[in-house]
Amino acid sequence: MTTNSGYASFIDESRERINEIDVQLIELIKKRQEISGSIQLHRLESGGNKSDTSRENEVLGTYRKGLGDKRGAALAMKILEMCRI
């Protein structure tokens, strides 16, 4: 049986781990934005389109496979949106 202090300690430790993961996710998204922005600029400079629908569909598929259709697609769409210049 978990005591109240043990329960609170578990919650605090778990939240701290989540906070650490959130910091890592933010850094990864920033890196992704930078790389994606660079790709988009190069594509535009060479007379192409800013976006690549087939690549976006590939990304959607990766997220769907990893996180399930609904959640994976929702997260992928938001990340793709955040990475557009």
PDB file of N, CA and C in Angstrom:
ATOM      1  N   MET A   1       0.843  -1.186   0.000  1.00  0.00           N
ATOM      2  CA  MET A   1       0.000   0.000   0.000  1.00  0.00           C
ATOM      3  C   MET A   1       0.887   1.248   0.000  1.00  0.00           C
ATOM      4  N   THR A   2       0.568   2.170  -0.863  1.00  0.00           N
ATOM      5  CA  THR A   2       1.350   3.391  -0.992  1.00  0.00           C
ATOM      6  C   THR A   2       0.865   4.431  -0.001  1.00  0.00           C
ATOM      7  N   THR A   3       1.805   5.027   0.714  1.00  0.00           N
ATOM      8  CA  THR A   3       1.443   6.099   1.640  1.00  0.00           C
ATOM      9  C   THR A   3       1.237   7.376   0.856  1.00  0.00           C
ATOM     10  N   ASN A   4       0.607   8.356   1.521  1.00  0.00           N
ATOM     11  CA  ASN A   4       0.396   9.643   0.857  1.00  0.00           C
ATOM     12  C   ASN A   4       1.717  10.283   0.460  1.00  0.00           C
ATOM     13  N   SER A   5       2.718  10.204   1.343  1.00  0.00           N
ATOM     14  CA  SER A   5       4.014  10.803   1.012  1.00  0.00           C
ATOM     15  C   SER A   5       4.698  10.017  -0.107  1.00  0.00           C
ATOM     16  N   GLY A   6       4.539   8.699  -0.111  1.00  0.00           N
ATOM     17  CA  GLY A   6       5.099   7.881  -1.184  1.00  0.00           C
ATOM     18  C   GLY A   6       4.423   8.175  -2.511  1.00  0.00           C
ATOM     19  N   TYR A   7       3.115   8.370  -2.454  1.00  0.00           N
ATOM     20  CA  TYR A   7       2.345   8.712  -3.645  1.00  0.00           C
ATOM     21  C   TYR A   7       2.776  10.069  -4.179  1.00  0.00           C
ATOM     22  N   ALA A   8       2.901  11.044  -3.291  1.00  0.00           N
ATOM     23  CA  ALA A   8       3.316  12.395  -3.688  1.00  0.00           C
ATOM     24  C   ALA A   8       4.726  12.369  -4.268  1.00  0.00           C
ATOM     25  N   SER A   9       5.599  11.578  -3.672  1.00  0.00           N
ATOM     26  CA  SER A   9       6.968  11.467  -4.166  1.00  0.00           C
ATOM     27  C   SER A   9       6.987  10.854  -5.568  1.00  0.00           C
ATOM     28  N   PHE A  10       6.183   9.813  -5.754  1.00  0.00           N
ATOM     29  CA  PHE A  10       6.082   9.180  -7.067  1.00  0.00           C
ATOM     30  C   PHE A  10       5.595  10.185  -8.111  1.00  0.00           C
ATOM     31  N   ILE A  11       4.561  10.937  -7.772  1.00  0.00           N
ATOM     32  CA  ILE A  11       4.006  11.940  -8.691  1.00  0.00           C
ATOM     33  C   ILE A  11       5.065  12.992  -9.014  1.00  0.00           C
ATOM     34  N   ASP A  12       5.733  13.507  -7.996  1.00  0.00           N
ATOM     35  CA  ASP A  12       6.756  14.539  -8.206  1.00  0.00           C
ATOM     36  C   ASP A  12       7.886  14.035  -9.104  1.00  0.00           C
ATOM     37  N   GLU A  13       8.369  12.823  -8.832  1.00  0.00           N
ATOM     38  CA  GLU A  13       9.448  12.257  -9.636  1.00  0.00           C
ATOM     39  C   GLU A  13       8.997  12.013 -11.075  1.00  0.00           C
ATOM     40  N   SER A  14       7.788  11.532 -11.236  1.00  0.00           N
ATOM     41  CA  SER A  14       7.257  11.276 -12.578  1.00  0.00           C
ATOM     42  C   SER A  14       7.095  12.575 -13.355  1.00  0.00           C
ATOM     43  N   ARG A  15       6.611  13.594 -12.691  1.00  0.00           N
ATOM     44  CA  ARG A  15       6.451  14.893 -13.355  1.00  0.00           C
ATOM     45  C   ARG A  15       7.798  15.485 -13.741  1.00  0.00           C
ATOM     46  N   GLU A  16       8.795  15.281 -12.912  1.00  0.00           N
ATOM     47  CA  GLU A  16      10.136  15.772 -13.236  1.00  0.00           C
ATOM     48  C   GLU A  16      10.668  15.074 -14.487  1.00  0.00           C
ATOM     49  N   ARG A  17      10.442  13.770 -14.591  1.00  0.00           N
ATOM     50  CA  ARG A  17      10.868  13.043 -15.792  1.00  0.00           C
ATOM     51  C   ARG A  17      10.127  13.553 -17.024  1.00  0.00           C
ATOM     52  N   ILE A  18       8.826  13.824 -16.869  1.00  0.00           N
ATOM     53  CA  ILE A  18       8.045  14.384 -17.981  1.00  0.00           C
ATOM     54  C   ILE A  18       8.593  15.746 -18.376  1.00  0.00           C
ATOM     55  N   ASN A  19       8.920  16.575 -17.388  1.00  0.00           N
ATOM     56  CA  ASN A  19       9.493  17.896 -17.681  1.00  0.00           C
ATOM     57  C   ASN A  19      10.787  17.773 -18.482  1.00  0.00           C
ATOM     58  N   GLU A  20      11.626  16.808 -18.113  1.00  0.00           N
ATOM     59  CA  GLU A  20      12.882  16.584 -18.832  1.00  0.00           C
ATOM     60  C   GLU A  20      12.615  16.163 -20.276  1.00  0.00           C
ATOM     61  N   ILE A  21      11.639  15.298 -20.462  1.00  0.00           N
ATOM     62  CA  ILE A  21      11.266  14.865 -21.810  1.00  0.00           C
ATOM     63  C   ILE A  21      10.734  16.046 -22.614  1.00  0.00           C
ATOM     64  N   ASP A  22       9.912  16.888 -21.978  1.00  0.00           N
ATOM     65  CA  ASP A  22       9.372  18.066 -22.670  1.00  0.00           C
ATOM     66  C   ASP A  22      10.484  18.984 -23.156  1.00  0.00           C
ATOM     67  N   VAL A  23      11.496  19.196 -22.331  1.00  0.00           N
ATOM     68  CA  VAL A  23      12.634  20.035 -22.732  1.00  0.00           C
ATOM     69  C   VAL A  23      13.329  19.415 -23.950  1.00  0.00           C
ATOM     70  N   GLN A  24      13.515  18.104 -23.929  1.00  0.00           N
ATOM     71  CA  GLN A  24      14.144  17.419 -25.058  1.00  0.00           C
ATOM     72  C   GLN A  24      13.291  17.538 -26.317  1.00  0.00           C
ATOM     73  N   LEU A  25      11.979  17.364 -26.170  1.00  0.00           N
ATOM     74  CA  LEU A  25      11.082  17.486 -27.320  1.00  0.00           C
ATOM     75  C   LEU A  25      11.143  18.882 -27.924  1.00  0.00           C
ATOM     76  N   ILE A  26      11.145  19.893 -27.078  1.00  0.00           N
ATOM     77  CA  ILE A  26      11.217  21.279 -27.555  1.00  0.00           C
ATOM     78  C   ILE A  26      12.498  21.500 -28.343  1.00  0.00           C
ATOM     79  N   GLU A  27      13.612  21.015 -27.827  1.00  0.00           N
ATOM     80  CA  GLU A  27      14.888  21.168 -28.531  1.00  0.00           C
ATOM     81  C   GLU A  27      14.872  20.439 -29.872  1.00  0.00           C
ATOM     82  N   LEU A  28      14.300  19.250 -29.902  1.00  0.00           N
ATOM     83  CA  LEU A  28      14.221  18.497 -31.154  1.00  0.00           C
ATOM     84  C   LEU A  28      13.326  19.199 -32.171  1.00  0.00           C
ATOM     85  N   ILE A  29      12.221  19.759 -31.713  1.00  0.00           N
ATOM     86  CA  ILE A  29      11.329  20.484 -32.622  1.00  0.00           C
ATOM     87  C   ILE A  29      12.033  21.718 -33.176  1.00  0.00           C
ATOM     88  N   LYS A  30      12.774  22.424 -32.333  1.00  0.00           N
ATOM     89  CA  LYS A  30      13.531  23.587 -32.813  1.00  0.00           C
ATOM     90  C   LYS A  30      14.537  23.176 -33.888  1.00  0.00           C
ATOM     91  N   LYS A  31      15.234  22.062 -33.669  1.00  0.00           N
ATOM     92  CA  LYS A  31      16.192  21.568 -34.662  1.00  0.00           C
ATOM     93  C   LYS A  31      15.478  21.197 -35.956  1.00  0.00           C
ATOM     94  N   ARG A  32      14.320  20.553 -35.814  1.00  0.00           N
ATOM     95  CA  ARG A  32      13.543  20.159 -36.990  1.00  0.00           C
ATOM     96  C   ARG A  32      13.088  21.391 -37.762  1.00  0.00           C
ATOM     97  N   GLN A  33      12.641  22.422 -37.042  1.00  0.00           N
ATOM     98  CA  GLN A  33      12.217  23.663 -37.694  1.00  0.00           C
ATOM     99  C   GLN A  33      13.369  24.279 -38.487  1.00  0.00           C
ATOM    100  N   GLU A  34      14.540  24.280 -37.899  1.00  0.00           N
ATOM    101  CA  GLU A  34      15.716  24.860 -38.557  1.00  0.00           C
ATOM    102  C   GLU A  34      16.062  24.106 -39.839  1.00  0.00           C
ATOM    103  N   ILE A  35      16.103  22.789 -39.751  1.00  0.00           N
ATOM    104  CA  ILE A  35      16.447  21.973 -40.913  1.00  0.00           C
ATOM    105  C   ILE A  35      15.366  22.084 -41.984  1.00  0.00           C
ATOM    106  N   SER A  36      14.117  21.998 -41.569  1.00  0.00           N
ATOM    107  CA  SER A  36      13.004  22.093 -42.511  1.00  0.00           C
ATOM    108  C   SER A  36      12.978  23.452 -43.201  1.00  0.00           C
ATOM    109  N   GLY A  37      13.207  24.508 -42.436  1.00  0.00           N
ATOM    110  CA  GLY A  37      13.247  25.849 -43.016  1.00  0.00           C
ATOM    111  C   GLY A  37      14.337  25.975 -44.061  1.00  0.00           C
ATOM    112  N   SER A  38      15.483  25.394 -43.777  1.00  0.00           N
ATOM    113  CA  SER A  38      16.602  25.417 -44.720  1.00  0.00           C
ATOM    114  C   SER A  38      16.240  24.686 -46.013  1.00  0.00           C
ATOM    115  N   ILE A  39      15.611  23.539 -45.876  1.00  0.00           N
ATOM    116  CA  ILE A  39      15.182  22.777 -47.056  1.00  0.00           C
ATOM    117  C   ILE A  39      14.194  23.597 -47.880  1.00  0.00           C
ATOM    118  N   GLN A  40      13.229  24.215 -47.200  1.00  0.00           N
ATOM    119  CA  GLN A  40      12.221  25.004 -47.910  1.00  0.00           C
ATOM    120  C   GLN A  40      12.851  26.182 -48.650  1.00  0.00           C
ATOM    121  N   LEU A  41      13.786  26.857 -48.011  1.00  0.00           N
ATOM    122  CA  LEU A  41      14.461  27.983 -48.666  1.00  0.00           C
ATOM    123  C   LEU A  41      15.249  27.524 -49.890  1.00  0.00           C
ATOM    124  N   HIS A  42      15.959  26.419 -49.771  1.00  0.00           N
ATOM    125  CA  HIS A  42      16.719  25.889 -50.908  1.00  0.00           C
ATOM    126  C   HIS A  42      15.775  25.504 -52.048  1.00  0.00           C
ATOM    127  N   ARG A  43      14.651  24.905 -51.688  1.00  0.00           N
ATOM    128  CA  ARG A  43      13.686  24.504 -52.706  1.00  0.00           C
ATOM    129  C   ARG A  43      13.138  25.735 -53.436  1.00  0.00           C
ATOM    130  N   LEU A  44      12.801  26.777 -52.676  1.00  0.00           N
ATOM    131  CA  LEU A  44      12.278  28.009 -53.280  1.00  0.00           C
ATOM    132  C   LEU A  44      13.325  28.698 -54.146  1.00  0.00           C
ATOM    133  N   GLU A  45      14.567  28.747 -53.657  1.00  0.00           N
ATOM    134  CA  GLU A  45      15.651  29.393 -54.405  1.00  0.00           C
ATOM    135  C   GLU A  45      15.929  28.701 -55.736  1.00  0.00           C
ATOM    136  N   SER A  46      15.645  27.413 -55.791  1.00  0.00           N
ATOM    137  CA  SER A  46      15.881  26.676 -57.036  1.00  0.00           C
ATOM    138  C   SER A  46      14.630  26.624 -57.909  1.00  0.00           C
ATOM    139  N   GLY A  47      13.616  27.436 -57.544  1.00  0.00           N
ATOM    140  CA  GLY A  47      12.409  27.531 -58.357  1.00  0.00           C
ATOM    141  C   GLY A  47      11.350  26.493 -58.061  1.00  0.00           C
ATOM    142  N   GLY A  48      11.537  25.738 -57.006  1.00  0.00           N
ATOM    143  CA  GLY A  48      10.566  24.707 -56.655  1.00  0.00           C
ATOM    144  C   GLY A  48       9.509  25.212 -55.693  1.00  0.00           C
ATOM    145  N   ASN A  49       8.677  24.293 -55.268  1.00  0.00           N
ATOM    146  CA  ASN A  49       7.644  24.597 -54.276  1.00  0.00           C
ATOM    147  C   ASN A  49       8.226  24.535 -52.875  1.00  0.00           C
ATOM    148  N   LYS A  50       7.603  25.279 -51.990  1.00  0.00           N
ATOM    149  CA  LYS A  50       8.054  25.290 -50.596  1.00  0.00           C
ATOM    150  C   LYS A  50       7.813  23.935 -49.937  1.00  0.00           C
ATOM    151  N   SER A  51       6.706  23.303 -50.271  1.00  0.00           N
ATOM    152  CA  SER A  51       6.367  22.032 -49.627  1.00  0.00           C
ATOM    153  C   SER A  51       6.456  20.879 -50.620  1.00  0.00           C
ATOM    154  N   ASP A  52       6.550  19.685 -50.057  1.00  0.00           N
ATOM    155  CA  ASP A  52       6.647  18.452 -50.837  1.00  0.00           C
ATOM    156  C   ASP A  52       5.593  17.495 -50.285  1.00  0.00           C
ATOM    157  N   THR A  53       4.471  17.388 -51.002  1.00  0.00           N
ATOM    158  CA  THR A  53       3.338  16.597 -50.524  1.00  0.00           C
ATOM    159  C   THR A  53       3.710  15.143 -50.295  1.00  0.00           C
ATOM    160  N   SER A  54       4.503  14.560 -51.168  1.00  0.00           N
ATOM    161  CA  SER A  54       4.867  13.150 -50.988  1.00  0.00           C
ATOM    162  C   SER A  54       5.709  12.966 -49.730  1.00  0.00           C
ATOM    163  N   ARG A  55       6.580  13.917 -49.442  1.00  0.00           N
ATOM    164  CA  ARG A  55       7.388  13.844 -48.218  1.00  0.00           C
ATOM    165  C   ARG A  55       6.502  14.008 -46.993  1.00  0.00           C
ATOM    166  N   GLU A  56       5.551  14.945 -47.048  1.00  0.00           N
ATOM    167  CA  GLU A  56       4.642  15.136 -45.919  1.00  0.00           C
ATOM    168  C   GLU A  56       3.819  13.877 -45.673  1.00  0.00           C
ATOM    169  N   ASN A  57       3.388  13.208 -46.736  1.00  0.00           N
ATOM    170  CA  ASN A  57       2.650  11.953 -46.576  1.00  0.00           C
ATOM    171  C   ASN A  57       3.525  10.870 -45.958  1.00  0.00           C
ATOM    172  N   GLU A  58       4.792  10.865 -46.314  1.00  0.00           N
ATOM    173  CA  GLU A  58       5.741   9.920 -45.721  1.00  0.00           C
ATOM    174  C   GLU A  58       5.873  10.169 -44.213  1.00  0.00           C
ATOM    175  N   VAL A  59       5.981  11.440 -43.831  1.00  0.00           N
ATOM    176  CA  VAL A  59       6.070  11.805 -42.413  1.00  0.00           C
ATOM    177  C   VAL A  59       4.795  11.385 -41.686  1.00  0.00           C
ATOM    178  N   LEU A  60       3.638  11.669 -42.290  1.00  0.00           N
ATOM    179  CA  LEU A  60       2.364  11.257 -41.687  1.00  0.00           C
ATOM    180  C   LEU A  60       2.339   9.751 -41.455  1.00  0.00           C
ATOM    181  N   GLY A  61       2.788   8.990 -42.433  1.00  0.00           N
ATOM    182  CA  GLY A  61       2.812   7.538 -42.301  1.00  0.00           C
ATOM    183  C   GLY A  61       3.700   7.072 -41.161  1.00  0.00           C
ATOM    184  N   THR A  62       4.842   7.716 -41.002  1.00  0.00           N
ATOM    185  CA  THR A  62       5.760   7.364 -39.918  1.00  0.00           C
ATOM    186  C   THR A  62       5.108   7.589 -38.561  1.00  0.00           C
ATOM    187  N   TYR A  63       4.460   8.729 -38.399  1.00  0.00           N
ATOM    188  CA  TYR A  63       3.817   9.046 -37.126  1.00  0.00           C
ATOM    189  C   TYR A  63       2.605   8.159 -36.878  1.00  0.00           C
ATOM    190  N   ARG A  64       1.844   7.870 -37.917  1.00  0.00           N
ATOM    191  CA  ARG A  64       0.694   6.968 -37.763  1.00  0.00           C
ATOM    192  C   ARG A  64       1.156   5.586 -37.323  1.00  0.00           C
ATOM    193  N   LYS A  65       2.208   5.115 -37.945  1.00  0.00           N
ATOM    194  CA  LYS A  65       2.734   3.791 -37.601  1.00  0.00           C
ATOM    195  C   LYS A  65       3.233   3.766 -36.156  1.00  0.00           C
ATOM    196  N   GLY A  66       3.892   4.824 -35.743  1.00  0.00           N
ATOM    197  CA  GLY A  66       4.473   4.856 -34.406  1.00  0.00           C
ATOM    198  C   GLY A  66       3.492   5.154 -33.289  1.00  0.00           C
ATOM    199  N   LEU A  67       2.453   5.959 -33.584  1.00  0.00           N
ATOM    200  CA  LEU A  67       1.558   6.425 -32.517  1.00  0.00           C
ATOM    201  C   LEU A  67       0.089   6.088 -32.742  1.00  0.00           C
ATOM    202  N   GLY A  68      -0.217   5.411 -33.828  1.00  0.00           N
ATOM    203  CA  GLY A  68      -1.606   5.111 -34.154  1.00  0.00           C
ATOM    204  C   GLY A  68      -2.154   6.148 -35.123  1.00  0.00           C
ATOM    205  N   ASP A  69      -3.162   5.731 -35.880  1.00  0.00           N
ATOM    206  CA  ASP A  69      -3.678   6.578 -36.958  1.00  0.00           C
ATOM    207  C   ASP A  69      -4.094   7.966 -36.503  1.00  0.00           C
ATOM    208  N   LYS A  70      -4.988   8.037 -35.541  1.00  0.00           N
ATOM    209  CA  LYS A  70      -5.554   9.335 -35.151  1.00  0.00           C
ATOM    210  C   LYS A  70      -4.528  10.224 -34.453  1.00  0.00           C
ATOM    211  N   ARG A  71      -3.917   9.717 -33.401  1.00  0.00           N
ATOM    212  CA  ARG A  71      -2.948  10.524 -32.640  1.00  0.00           C
ATOM    213  C   ARG A  71      -1.695  10.818 -33.448  1.00  0.00           C
ATOM    214  N   GLY A  72      -1.220   9.829 -34.176  1.00  0.00           N
ATOM    215  CA  GLY A  72      -0.025  10.020 -34.982  1.00  0.00           C
ATOM    216  C   GLY A  72      -0.226  11.070 -36.058  1.00  0.00           C
ATOM    217  N   ALA A  73      -1.365  11.002 -36.734  1.00  0.00           N
ATOM    218  CA  ALA A  73      -1.652  11.982 -37.787  1.00  0.00           C
ATOM    219  C   ALA A  73      -1.807  13.377 -37.204  1.00  0.00           C
ATOM    220  N   ALA A  74      -2.488  13.476 -36.069  1.00  0.00           N
ATOM    221  CA  ALA A  74      -2.700  14.791 -35.445  1.00  0.00           C
ATOM    222  C   ALA A  74      -1.367  15.430 -35.054  1.00  0.00           C
ATOM    223  N   LEU A  75      -0.490  14.649 -34.448  1.00  0.00           N
ATOM    224  CA  LEU A  75       0.808  15.186 -34.037  1.00  0.00           C
ATOM    225  C   LEU A  75       1.657  15.548 -35.255  1.00  0.00           C
ATOM    226  N   ALA A  76       1.681  14.672 -36.244  1.00  0.00           N
ATOM    227  CA  ALA A  76       2.467  14.946 -37.448  1.00  0.00           C
ATOM    228  C   ALA A  76       1.993  16.218 -38.139  1.00  0.00           C
ATOM    229  N   MET A  77       0.690  16.394 -38.254  1.00  0.00           N
ATOM    230  CA  MET A  77       0.158  17.595 -38.909  1.00  0.00           C
ATOM    231  C   MET A  77       0.575  18.855 -38.158  1.00  0.00           C
ATOM    232  N   LYS A  78       0.527  18.802 -36.839  1.00  0.00           N
ATOM    233  CA  LYS A  78       0.911  19.968 -36.039  1.00  0.00           C
ATOM    234  C   LYS A  78       2.405  20.252 -36.196  1.00  0.00           C
ATOM    235  N   ILE A  79       3.216  19.226 -36.163  1.00  0.00           N
ATOM    236  CA  ILE A  79       4.661  19.421 -36.322  1.00  0.00           C
ATOM    237  C   ILE A  79       4.981  19.957 -37.715  1.00  0.00           C
ATOM    238  N   LEU A  80       4.357  19.390 -38.743  1.00  0.00           N
ATOM    239  CA  LEU A  80       4.580  19.887 -40.103  1.00  0.00           C
ATOM    240  C   LEU A  80       4.187  21.357 -40.208  1.00  0.00           C
ATOM    241  N   GLU A  81       3.065  21.702 -39.614  1.00  0.00           N
ATOM    242  CA  GLU A  81       2.604  23.099 -39.614  1.00  0.00           C
ATOM    243  C   GLU A  81       3.620  24.004 -38.918  1.00  0.00           C
ATOM    244  N   MET A  82       4.135  23.556 -37.786  1.00  0.00           N
ATOM    245  CA  MET A  82       5.097  24.357 -37.022  1.00  0.00           C
ATOM    246  C   MET A  82       6.422  24.537 -37.762  1.00  0.00           C
ATOM    247  N   CYS A  83       6.720  23.641 -38.678  1.00  0.00           N
ATOM    248  CA  CYS A  83       8.006  23.681 -39.372  1.00  0.00           C
ATOM    249  C   CYS A  83       7.947  24.397 -40.714  1.00  0.00           C
ATOM    250  N   ARG A  84       6.786  24.909 -41.069  1.00  0.00           N
ATOM    251  CA  ARG A  84       6.683  25.653 -42.333  1.00  0.00           C
ATOM    252  C   ARG A  84       7.163  27.077 -42.138  1.00  0.00           C
ATOM    253  N   ILE A  85       7.844  27.597 -43.160  1.00  0.00           N
ATOM    254  CA  ILE A  85       8.312  28.988 -43.083  1.00  0.00           C
ATOM    255  C   ILE A  85       7.261  29.922 -43.638  1.00  0.00           C
TER     256      ILE A  85
END
